[in-house]
Amino acid sequence: MQAKDQVAVTVEAGVATNMLFTAHSLPISFLLKELKSCCGSVVFLGIQPPQLEFMSPPTPAVHEAVEKIYGMLKARSDFTASAS
């Protein structure tokens, strides 16, 4: 399991078994498969928040993780090299 406040890059197979949350009642693995069919390559980035209460604001740690991802995107980092 991913530690809270950590940025994770994972492969499609890992999402199907390790990240069992859904968006609009569809598994994330379904969304990734559909994106992959039209885009060719998909990188799934996730941030595990330290609190999961409904409507709670993002914590400073989540803001830091977002800034880290933003910096990596701005630097054109190769996220595929981090996938495990």
N, C-alpha and C. Protein backbone atom coordinates (compact mmCIF):
# COMPACT_ATOMS: atom_id res chain seq x y z
N MET A 1 0.84 -1.18 0.00
CA MET A 1 0.00 0.00 0.00
C MET A 1 0.88 1.24 0.00
N GLN A 2 0.48 2.24 -0.73
CA GLN A 2 1.22 3.50 -0.83
C GLN A 2 1.12 4.27 0.48
N ALA A 3 2.25 4.81 0.93
CA ALA A 3 2.26 5.64 2.14
C ALA A 3 1.50 6.93 1.88
N LYS A 4 0.87 7.46 2.89
CA LYS A 4 0.13 8.71 2.76
C LYS A 4 1.08 9.83 2.35
N ASP A 5 0.58 10.74 1.52
CA ASP A 5 1.31 11.92 1.05
C ASP A 5 2.42 11.58 0.05
N GLN A 6 2.49 10.36 -0.42
CA GLN A 6 3.52 9.98 -1.37
C GLN A 6 2.94 9.98 -2.78
N VAL A 7 3.74 10.43 -3.74
CA VAL A 7 3.35 10.41 -5.14
C VAL A 7 3.72 9.04 -5.69
N ALA A 8 2.81 8.43 -6.41
CA ALA A 8 3.07 7.10 -6.94
C ALA A 8 2.81 7.06 -8.44
N VAL A 9 3.66 6.36 -9.15
CA VAL A 9 3.44 6.07 -10.55
C VAL A 9 3.28 4.56 -10.61
N THR A 10 2.24 4.10 -11.28
CA THR A 10 1.99 2.67 -11.32
C THR A 10 1.64 2.25 -12.74
N VAL A 11 1.72 0.97 -13.00
CA VAL A 11 1.36 0.42 -14.31
C VAL A 11 -0.11 0.01 -14.27
N GLU A 12 -0.68 -0.16 -15.43
CA GLU A 12 -2.10 -0.49 -15.54
C GLU A 12 -2.47 -1.72 -14.72
N ALA A 13 -1.64 -2.75 -14.74
CA ALA A 13 -1.94 -3.97 -14.00
C ALA A 13 -2.01 -3.71 -12.50
N GLY A 14 -1.18 -2.82 -11.99
CA GLY A 14 -1.19 -2.48 -10.57
C GLY A 14 -2.43 -1.74 -10.16
N VAL A 15 -2.97 -0.93 -11.04
CA VAL A 15 -4.19 -0.18 -10.73
C VAL A 15 -5.36 -1.13 -10.56
N ALA A 16 -5.42 -2.14 -11.38
CA ALA A 16 -6.55 -3.07 -11.32
C ALA A 16 -6.59 -3.82 -10.00
N THR A 17 -5.45 -4.05 -9.37
CA THR A 17 -5.44 -4.84 -8.14
C THR A 17 -5.15 -4.02 -6.89
N ASN A 18 -4.41 -2.93 -7.01
CA ASN A 18 -3.98 -2.20 -5.82
C ASN A 18 -4.81 -0.96 -5.52
N MET A 19 -5.49 -0.42 -6.49
CA MET A 19 -6.23 0.82 -6.27
C MET A 19 -7.69 0.58 -6.64
N LEU A 20 -8.47 0.22 -5.66
CA LEU A 20 -9.82 -0.24 -5.92
C LEU A 20 -10.88 0.85 -5.76
N PHE A 21 -10.51 2.11 -5.92
CA PHE A 21 -11.51 3.17 -5.86
C PHE A 21 -12.10 3.38 -7.26
N THR A 22 -13.25 4.00 -7.33
CA THR A 22 -13.91 4.19 -8.62
C THR A 22 -14.26 5.65 -8.84
N ALA A 23 -14.51 5.99 -10.09
CA ALA A 23 -14.97 7.33 -10.46
C ALA A 23 -16.28 7.13 -11.22
N HIS A 24 -17.34 7.72 -10.72
CA HIS A 24 -18.66 7.59 -11.35
C HIS A 24 -19.05 6.12 -11.54
N SER A 25 -18.74 5.33 -10.56
CA SER A 25 -19.10 3.91 -10.50
C SER A 25 -18.39 3.04 -11.52
N LEU A 26 -17.40 3.56 -12.21
CA LEU A 26 -16.59 2.74 -13.12
C LEU A 26 -15.20 2.57 -12.51
N PRO A 27 -14.66 1.36 -12.59
CA PRO A 27 -13.31 1.16 -12.06
C PRO A 27 -12.29 2.00 -12.83
N ILE A 28 -11.28 2.48 -12.13
CA ILE A 28 -10.21 3.25 -12.76
C ILE A 28 -9.55 2.42 -13.86
N SER A 29 -9.45 1.11 -13.66
CA SER A 29 -8.82 0.26 -14.69
C SER A 29 -9.59 0.34 -16.01
N PHE A 30 -10.92 0.47 -15.95
CA PHE A 30 -11.72 0.62 -17.16
C PHE A 30 -11.39 1.93 -17.86
N LEU A 31 -11.33 3.02 -17.09
CA LEU A 31 -10.98 4.32 -17.64
C LEU A 31 -9.60 4.28 -18.29
N LEU A 32 -8.63 3.69 -17.61
CA LEU A 32 -7.28 3.61 -18.16
C LEU A 32 -7.25 2.80 -19.46
N LYS A 33 -8.00 1.71 -19.51
CA LYS A 33 -8.05 0.90 -20.73
C LYS A 33 -8.63 1.70 -21.89
N GLU A 34 -9.68 2.46 -21.63
CA GLU A 34 -10.29 3.28 -22.68
C GLU A 34 -9.34 4.38 -23.14
N LEU A 35 -8.68 5.03 -22.19
CA LEU A 35 -7.71 6.07 -22.55
C LEU A 35 -6.56 5.48 -23.37
N LYS A 36 -6.10 4.31 -22.96
CA LYS A 36 -5.01 3.65 -23.67
C LYS A 36 -5.40 3.32 -25.10
N SER A 37 -6.66 2.93 -25.31
CA SER A 37 -7.10 2.56 -26.66
C SER A 37 -7.13 3.76 -27.61
N CYS A 38 -7.34 4.95 -27.07
CA CYS A 38 -7.38 6.13 -27.95
C CYS A 38 -6.09 6.94 -27.91
N CYS A 39 -5.32 6.82 -26.85
CA CYS A 39 -4.11 7.65 -26.70
C CYS A 39 -2.82 6.87 -26.89
N GLY A 40 -2.89 5.57 -26.78
CA GLY A 40 -1.69 4.75 -26.93
C GLY A 40 -0.95 4.50 -25.64
N SER A 41 -0.57 5.55 -24.94
CA SER A 41 0.19 5.41 -23.70
C SER A 41 -0.46 6.26 -22.62
N VAL A 42 -0.63 5.69 -21.45
CA VAL A 42 -1.27 6.39 -20.34
C VAL A 42 -0.40 6.21 -19.10
N VAL A 43 -0.15 7.29 -18.40
CA VAL A 43 0.55 7.24 -17.12
C VAL A 43 -0.44 7.70 -16.05
N PHE A 44 -0.63 6.89 -15.05
CA PHE A 44 -1.57 7.18 -13.97
C PHE A 44 -0.79 7.66 -12.77
N LEU A 45 -1.05 8.89 -12.35
CA LEU A 45 -0.41 9.46 -11.17
C LEU A 45 -1.43 9.54 -10.05
N GLY A 46 -1.03 9.20 -8.85
CA GLY A 46 -1.95 9.26 -7.72
C GLY A 46 -1.29 9.86 -6.50
N ILE A 47 -2.08 10.53 -5.69
CA ILE A 47 -1.63 11.07 -4.41
C ILE A 47 -2.54 10.48 -3.33
N GLN A 48 -1.96 9.81 -2.36
CA GLN A 48 -2.75 9.25 -1.26
C GLN A 48 -2.88 10.31 -0.18
N PRO A 49 -4.07 10.89 -0.01
CA PRO A 49 -4.24 11.92 1.02
C PRO A 49 -4.21 11.32 2.42
N PRO A 50 -3.72 12.10 3.40
CA PRO A 50 -3.67 11.58 4.76
C PRO A 50 -5.05 11.50 5.42
N GLN A 51 -6.02 12.23 4.89
CA GLN A 51 -7.38 12.16 5.42
C GLN A 51 -8.36 12.00 4.26
N LEU A 52 -9.39 11.25 4.51
CA LEU A 52 -10.34 10.93 3.45
C LEU A 52 -11.76 11.38 3.77
N GLU A 53 -11.92 12.26 4.75
CA GLU A 53 -13.25 12.71 5.11
C GLU A 53 -13.87 13.48 3.95
N PHE A 54 -15.14 13.25 3.72
CA PHE A 54 -15.87 13.91 2.64
C PHE A 54 -15.82 15.42 2.82
N MET A 55 -15.50 16.13 1.76
CA MET A 55 -15.45 17.59 1.70
C MET A 55 -14.34 18.22 2.55
N SER A 56 -13.39 17.41 3.02
CA SER A 56 -12.29 18.02 3.78
C SER A 56 -11.32 18.67 2.79
N PRO A 57 -10.73 19.79 3.16
CA PRO A 57 -9.83 20.48 2.24
C PRO A 57 -8.52 19.71 2.08
N PRO A 58 -7.81 19.91 0.98
CA PRO A 58 -6.51 19.25 0.81
C PRO A 58 -5.54 19.71 1.90
N THR A 59 -4.75 18.79 2.39
CA THR A 59 -3.77 19.10 3.43
C THR A 59 -2.54 19.75 2.80
N PRO A 60 -1.70 20.38 3.61
CA PRO A 60 -0.45 20.93 3.07
C PRO A 60 0.40 19.86 2.35
N ALA A 61 0.39 18.64 2.87
CA ALA A 61 1.16 17.57 2.22
C ALA A 61 0.63 17.26 0.83
N VAL A 62 -0.69 17.31 0.65
CA VAL A 62 -1.27 17.09 -0.67
C VAL A 62 -0.89 18.23 -1.60
N HIS A 63 -0.94 19.46 -1.10
CA HIS A 63 -0.51 20.61 -1.90
C HIS A 63 0.95 20.45 -2.34
N GLU A 64 1.80 19.96 -1.43
CA GLU A 64 3.21 19.73 -1.76
C GLU A 64 3.35 18.68 -2.85
N ALA A 65 2.56 17.61 -2.76
CA ALA A 65 2.61 16.56 -3.78
C ALA A 65 2.17 17.09 -5.14
N VAL A 66 1.13 17.92 -5.15
CA VAL A 66 0.66 18.53 -6.40
C VAL A 66 1.76 19.41 -6.99
N GLU A 67 2.42 20.20 -6.15
CA GLU A 67 3.52 21.05 -6.62
C GLU A 67 4.66 20.22 -7.18
N LYS A 68 4.94 19.08 -6.54
CA LYS A 68 5.99 18.18 -7.02
C LYS A 68 5.64 17.65 -8.41
N ILE A 69 4.40 17.19 -8.58
CA ILE A 69 3.97 16.69 -9.88
C ILE A 69 4.01 17.81 -10.92
N TYR A 70 3.54 18.99 -10.54
CA TYR A 70 3.58 20.14 -11.46
C TYR A 70 5.02 20.42 -11.91
N GLY A 71 5.95 20.42 -10.96
CA GLY A 71 7.35 20.65 -11.30
C GLY A 71 7.89 19.59 -12.25
N MET A 72 7.49 18.34 -12.01
CA MET A 72 7.93 17.26 -12.89
C MET A 72 7.34 17.40 -14.28
N LEU A 73 6.08 17.79 -14.37
CA LEU A 73 5.46 18.02 -15.68
C LEU A 73 6.13 19.18 -16.40
N LYS A 74 6.39 20.25 -15.67
CA LYS A 74 7.03 21.43 -16.25
C LYS A 74 8.43 21.09 -16.77
N ALA A 75 9.13 20.21 -16.05
CA ALA A 75 10.48 19.79 -16.45
C ALA A 75 10.44 18.69 -17.50
N ARG A 76 9.24 18.31 -17.91
CA ARG A 76 9.05 17.23 -18.90
C ARG A 76 9.71 15.92 -18.44
N SER A 77 9.51 15.60 -17.18
CA SER A 77 10.06 14.36 -16.63
C SER A 77 9.44 13.15 -17.32
N ASP A 78 10.20 12.08 -17.34
CA ASP A 78 9.74 10.83 -17.94
C ASP A 78 9.09 9.98 -16.85
N PHE A 79 7.78 10.08 -16.72
CA PHE A 79 7.06 9.34 -15.69
C PHE A 79 7.08 7.84 -15.96
N THR A 80 7.23 7.44 -17.20
CA THR A 80 7.22 6.01 -17.51
C THR A 80 8.43 5.30 -16.92
N ALA A 81 9.52 6.03 -16.70
CA ALA A 81 10.71 5.42 -16.11
C ALA A 81 10.48 5.08 -14.65
N SER A 82 9.49 5.73 -14.00
CA SER A 82 9.22 5.50 -12.58
C SER A 82 8.22 4.38 -12.34
N ALA A 83 7.52 3.96 -13.39
CA ALA A 83 6.47 2.95 -13.22
C ALA A 83 7.07 1.62 -12.80
N SER A 84 6.35 0.96 -11.89
CA SER A 84 6.81 -0.36 -11.44
C SER A 84 5.73 -1.38 -11.61
